[in-house]
C-alpha atoms as a PDB file:
ATOM      1  CA  MET A   1      -8.136 -12.923 -16.914  1.00  0.00           C
ATOM      2  CA  GLU A   2      -6.564 -10.953 -14.078  1.00  0.00           C
ATOM      3  CA  SER A   3      -5.979  -7.279 -13.496  1.00  0.00           C
ATOM      4  CA  ASN A   4      -3.081  -5.893 -11.480  1.00  0.00           C
ATOM      5  CA  PRO A   5      -4.192  -2.844  -9.486  1.00  0.00           C
ATOM      6  CA  ILE A   6      -2.056   0.023  -8.257  1.00  0.00           C
ATOM      7  CA  TYR A   7      -2.686   0.980  -4.629  1.00  0.00           C
ATOM      8  CA  ARG A   8      -1.910   4.585  -3.623  1.00  0.00           C
ATOM      9  CA  ILE A   9      -1.771   5.442   0.082  1.00  0.00           C
ATOM     10  CA  GLU A  10      -1.553   9.110   0.973  1.00  0.00           C
ATOM     11  CA  GLY A  11      -1.258  10.814   4.342  1.00  0.00           C
ATOM     12  CA  GLU A  12       1.167  11.458   7.139  1.00  0.00           C
ATOM     13  CA  ILE A  13       2.224   8.175   8.725  1.00  0.00           C
ATOM     14  CA  THR A  14       4.629   7.692  11.608  1.00  0.00           C
ATOM     15  CA  SER A  15       6.295   4.335  12.111  1.00  0.00           C
ATOM     16  CA  ALA A  16       5.617   2.739  15.491  1.00  0.00           C
ATOM     17  CA  ALA A  17       5.398  -0.762  16.920  1.00  0.00           C
ATOM     18  CA  GLY A  18       2.002  -2.275  16.235  1.00  0.00           C
ATOM     19  CA  ASN A  19       1.014   0.256  13.557  1.00  0.00           C
ATOM     20  CA  TYR A  20      -0.002  -1.138  10.188  1.00  0.00           C
ATOM     21  CA  ILE A  21      -2.356  -0.824   7.248  1.00  0.00           C
ATOM     22  CA  SER A  22      -4.083  -3.918   5.923  1.00  0.00           C
ATOM     23  CA  ILE A  23      -5.756  -3.980   2.508  1.00  0.00           C
ATOM     24  CA  THR A  24      -7.577  -7.210   1.694  1.00  0.00           C
ATOM     25  CA  THR A  25      -8.613  -7.888  -1.889  1.00  0.00           C
ATOM     26  CA  ASN A  26     -10.655 -11.041  -2.502  1.00  0.00           C
ATOM     27  CA  GLY A  27      -9.129 -12.652   0.586  1.00  0.00           C
ATOM     28  CA  GLN A  28      -5.511 -11.729  -0.247  1.00  0.00           C
ATOM     29  CA  GLU A  29      -3.920  -9.398   2.296  1.00  0.00           C
ATOM     30  CA  LEU A  30      -1.461  -6.634   1.489  1.00  0.00           C
ATOM     31  CA  LYS A  31      -0.038  -5.536   4.851  1.00  0.00           C
ATOM     32  CA  ILE A  32       1.985  -2.342   5.204  1.00  0.00           C
ATOM     33  CA  VAL A  33       4.140  -2.106   8.336  1.00  0.00           C
ATOM     34  CA  ASN A  34       6.746   0.320   9.697  1.00  0.00           C
ATOM     35  CA  ALA A  35       5.839   2.853   7.014  1.00  0.00           C
ATOM     36  CA  THR A  36       6.757   6.503   7.313  1.00  0.00           C
ATOM     37  CA  LEU A  37       5.194   9.115   5.035  1.00  0.00           C
ATOM     38  CA  ALA A  38       5.624  12.861   5.346  1.00  0.00           C
ATOM     39  CA  ALA A  39       3.048  15.423   4.245  1.00  0.00           C
ATOM     40  CA  GLY A  40       2.705  15.279   0.457  1.00  0.00           C
ATOM     41  CA  GLU A  41       4.167  11.777   0.099  1.00  0.00           C
ATOM     42  CA  THR A  42       2.354   8.773  -1.391  1.00  0.00           C
ATOM     43  CA  LEU A  43       3.161   5.090  -1.004  1.00  0.00           C
ATOM     44  CA  VAL A  44       2.521   3.384  -4.346  1.00  0.00           C
ATOM     45  CA  VAL A  45       2.168  -0.402  -4.539  1.00  0.00           C
ATOM     46  CA  ASP A  46       2.225  -1.483  -8.192  1.00  0.00           C
ATOM     47  CA  THR A  47       1.040  -5.092  -8.384  1.00  0.00           C
ATOM     48  CA  ASP A  48       1.781  -5.371 -12.122  1.00  0.00           C
ATOM     49  CA  ARG A  49       5.444  -4.487 -11.663  1.00  0.00           C
ATOM     50  CA  MET A  50       5.546  -6.181  -8.239  1.00  0.00           C
ATOM     51  CA  THR A  51       7.151  -3.187  -6.591  1.00  0.00           C
ATOM     52  CA  ALA A  52       6.459  -0.400  -4.109  1.00  0.00           C
ATOM     53  CA  TYR A  53       7.899   3.094  -3.862  1.00  0.00           C
ATOM     54  CA  VAL A  54       7.273   6.478  -2.245  1.00  0.00           C
ATOM     55  CA  GLU A  55       6.566   9.536  -4.375  1.00  0.00           C
ATOM     56  CA  ASP A  56       6.708  13.187  -3.374  1.00  0.00           C
ATOM     57  CA  GLU A  57       3.932  15.675  -4.175  1.00  0.00           C
ATOM     58  CA  ASN A  58       5.371  16.098  -7.696  1.00  0.00           C
ATOM     59  CA  GLY A  59       5.286  12.384  -8.504  1.00  0.00           C
ATOM     60  CA  VAL A  60       9.055  11.983  -8.162  1.00  0.00           C
ATOM     61  CA  THR A  61      10.161   8.699  -6.598  1.00  0.00           C
ATOM     62  CA  VAL A  62      12.028   9.503  -3.378  1.00  0.00           C
ATOM     63  CA  ARG A  63      12.637   6.030  -1.927  1.00  0.00           C
ATOM     64  CA  ASN A  64      11.983   2.318  -2.153  1.00  0.00           C
ATOM     65  CA  GLY A  65       8.701   1.235  -0.541  1.00  0.00           C
ATOM     66  CA  LEU A  66       9.288  -2.539  -0.561  1.00  0.00           C
ATOM     67  CA  PRO A  67      10.626  -2.538   3.038  1.00  0.00           C
ATOM     68  CA  TYR A  68       7.156  -1.311   4.102  1.00  0.00           C
ATOM     69  CA  LEU A  69       5.475  -4.511   2.883  1.00  0.00           C
ATOM     70  CA  GLU A  70       5.242  -7.282   5.441  1.00  0.00           C
ATOM     71  CA  GLU A  71       5.594  -9.833   2.646  1.00  0.00           C
ATOM     72  CA  LEU A  72       5.842  -9.694  -1.123  1.00  0.00           C
ATOM     73  CA  ASN A  73       2.175 -10.422  -1.754  1.00  0.00           C
ATOM     74  CA  PHE A  74       0.633  -8.511  -4.656  1.00  0.00           C
ATOM     75  CA  PRO A  75      -3.143  -9.193  -4.798  1.00  0.00           C
ATOM     76  CA  THR A  76      -4.735  -9.295  -8.249  1.00  0.00           C
ATOM     77  CA  LEU A  77      -8.287  -8.757  -9.445  1.00  0.00           C
ATOM     78  CA  SER A  78     -10.046 -11.325 -11.604  1.00  0.00           C
ATOM     79  CA  VAL A  79     -13.027 -10.827 -13.880  1.00  0.00           C
ATOM     80  CA  SER A  80     -15.873 -11.177 -11.379  1.00  0.00           C
ATOM     81  CA  ALA A  81     -17.251  -9.445  -8.324  1.00  0.00           C
ATOM     82  CA  HIS A  82     -14.621  -8.112  -5.912  1.00  0.00           C
ATOM     83  CA  THR A  83     -14.385  -7.546  -2.218  1.00  0.00           C
ATOM     84  CA  LEU A  84     -11.991  -4.848  -1.032  1.00  0.00           C
ATOM     85  CA  SER A  85     -11.535  -3.873   2.593  1.00  0.00           C
ATOM     86  CA  ARG A  86      -9.009  -1.808   4.473  1.00  0.00           C
ATOM     87  CA  PHE A  87      -8.058  -1.786   8.091  1.00  0.00           C
ATOM     88  CA  THR A  88      -5.786   0.663   9.812  1.00  0.00           C
ATOM     89  CA  HIS A  89      -4.297   0.363  13.224  1.00  0.00           C
ATOM     90  CA  PHE A  90      -3.318   3.753  14.699  1.00  0.00           C
ATOM     91  CA  PHE A  91      -3.007   5.483  11.326  1.00  0.00           C
ATOM     92  CA  VAL A  92      -5.009   8.330   9.878  1.00  0.00           C
ATOM     93  CA  ILE A  93      -5.581   7.921   6.141  1.00  0.00           C
ATOM     94  CA  PHE A  94      -6.787  10.842   4.046  1.00  0.00           C
END
């Protein structure tokens, strides 16, 4: 049995060459590149619906987030122990 997590990334992010966020779940990488988030915005990656979008501080979708994913890889969780790691390169995550 698998579970499809929702990843929520909050914080101000400026797009720049070489900047990225990498979230690895059980060896599967979700890499976010060229993302831009203003204060109060959240990048939501919904692995169940296989989509990504940006919400404002009120939870209103303001734009498509799929262009921020390096590839359409949506890591799942299985019933067992999990390993989750994150790596940021030149980003500050709150």
